[in-house]
Amino acid sequence: MRNIIKLYLILNNALSITANWVKLQCLMARYSQNIRTTE
């Protein structure tokens, strides 16, 4: 039973890390677009 809980926590962690990475990528893309438009 403990192994299942550990697995769940690891998966949950991985999902939140992935979500944060995607958000970061979106922010970076928006930021680079802003730089291009201001030049």
N, C-alpha and C. Protein backbone atom coordinates (compact mmCIF):
# COMPACT_ATOMS: atom_id res chain seq x y z
N MET A 1 0.83 -1.21 0.00
CA MET A 1 0.00 0.00 0.00
C MET A 1 0.87 1.26 0.00
N ARG A 2 1.94 1.23 0.76
CA ARG A 2 2.82 2.41 0.82
C ARG A 2 3.42 2.71 -0.55
N ASN A 3 3.76 1.64 -1.28
CA ASN A 3 4.35 1.84 -2.61
C ASN A 3 3.41 2.60 -3.53
N ILE A 4 2.12 2.29 -3.44
CA ILE A 4 1.13 2.97 -4.29
C ILE A 4 1.09 4.46 -3.94
N ILE A 5 1.13 4.77 -2.66
CA ILE A 5 1.11 6.17 -2.23
C ILE A 5 2.37 6.88 -2.74
N LYS A 6 3.51 6.22 -2.63
CA LYS A 6 4.76 6.82 -3.13
C LYS A 6 4.67 7.07 -4.62
N LEU A 7 4.17 6.10 -5.35
CA LEU A 7 4.01 6.25 -6.79
C LEU A 7 3.11 7.43 -7.11
N TYR A 8 2.00 7.54 -6.38
CA TYR A 8 1.05 8.63 -6.60
C TYR A 8 1.72 9.97 -6.36
N LEU A 9 2.50 10.08 -5.29
CA LEU A 9 3.17 11.34 -4.97
C LEU A 9 4.19 11.69 -6.05
N ILE A 10 4.93 10.70 -6.52
CA ILE A 10 5.92 10.93 -7.58
C ILE A 10 5.24 11.42 -8.85
N LEU A 11 4.14 10.77 -9.21
CA LEU A 11 3.39 11.17 -10.41
C LEU A 11 2.85 12.58 -10.26
N ASN A 12 2.31 12.87 -9.10
CA ASN A 12 1.76 14.20 -8.82
C ASN A 12 2.84 15.25 -8.96
N ASN A 13 4.01 14.97 -8.40
CA ASN A 13 5.16 15.87 -8.47
C ASN A 13 5.56 16.11 -9.92
N ALA A 14 5.66 15.03 -10.68
CA ALA A 14 6.06 15.13 -12.08
C ALA A 14 5.07 15.98 -12.87
N LEU A 15 3.78 15.79 -12.60
CA LEU A 15 2.75 16.55 -13.31
C LEU A 15 2.86 18.03 -13.00
N SER A 16 3.06 18.38 -11.73
CA SER A 16 3.15 19.80 -11.37
C SER A 16 4.41 20.43 -11.96
N ILE A 17 5.51 19.67 -11.98
CA ILE A 17 6.75 20.17 -12.58
C ILE A 17 6.54 20.42 -14.07
N THR A 18 5.87 19.47 -14.74
CA THR A 18 5.60 19.61 -16.17
C THR A 18 4.72 20.83 -16.43
N ALA A 19 3.70 21.01 -15.61
CA ALA A 19 2.80 22.16 -15.78
C ALA A 19 3.57 23.46 -15.61
N ASN A 20 4.44 23.52 -14.61
CA ASN A 20 5.24 24.73 -14.39
C ASN A 20 6.17 24.99 -15.57
N TRP A 21 6.76 23.92 -16.12
CA TRP A 21 7.67 24.05 -17.26
C TRP A 21 6.92 24.61 -18.46
N VAL A 22 5.71 24.10 -18.69
CA VAL A 22 4.90 24.58 -19.81
C VAL A 22 4.58 26.06 -19.64
N LYS A 23 4.21 26.45 -18.41
CA LYS A 23 3.92 27.86 -18.13
C LYS A 23 5.15 28.71 -18.42
N LEU A 24 6.32 28.22 -18.00
CA LEU A 24 7.56 28.95 -18.22
C LEU A 24 7.84 29.11 -19.71
N GLN A 25 7.64 28.04 -20.48
CA GLN A 25 7.84 28.10 -21.92
C GLN A 25 6.91 29.14 -22.56
N CYS A 26 5.66 29.17 -22.12
CA CYS A 26 4.71 30.15 -22.65
C CYS A 26 5.15 31.56 -22.33
N LEU A 27 5.62 31.77 -21.11
CA LEU A 27 6.09 33.09 -20.71
C LEU A 27 7.30 33.51 -21.54
N MET A 28 8.23 32.59 -21.74
CA MET A 28 9.43 32.89 -22.52
C MET A 28 9.06 33.25 -23.96
N ALA A 29 8.12 32.51 -24.54
CA ALA A 29 7.70 32.77 -25.91
C ALA A 29 7.07 34.15 -26.01
N ARG A 30 6.22 34.49 -25.05
CA ARG A 30 5.57 35.80 -25.05
C ARG A 30 6.61 36.90 -24.89
N TYR A 31 7.59 36.66 -24.01
CA TYR A 31 8.63 37.64 -23.75
C TYR A 31 9.47 37.90 -25.00
N SER A 32 9.85 36.83 -25.70
CA SER A 32 10.66 36.99 -26.91
C SER A 32 9.86 37.69 -28.01
N GLN A 33 8.55 37.43 -28.07
CA GLN A 33 7.71 38.12 -29.05
C GLN A 33 7.65 39.61 -28.74
N ASN A 34 7.56 39.95 -27.46
CA ASN A 34 7.52 41.36 -27.07
C ASN A 34 8.81 42.07 -27.46
N ILE A 35 9.95 41.40 -27.29
CA ILE A 35 11.24 41.99 -27.66
C ILE A 35 11.27 42.25 -29.16
N ARG A 36 10.78 41.31 -29.95
CA ARG A 36 10.80 41.46 -31.41
C ARG A 36 9.92 42.63 -31.85
N THR A 37 8.77 42.80 -31.21
CA THR A 37 7.84 43.85 -31.64
C THR A 37 8.33 45.23 -31.23
N THR A 38 9.10 45.34 -30.14
CA THR A 38 9.55 46.65 -29.69
C THR A 38 10.74 47.14 -30.50
N GLU A 39 11.51 46.23 -31.10
CA GLU A 39 12.69 46.65 -31.87
C GLU A 39 12.30 47.39 -33.14
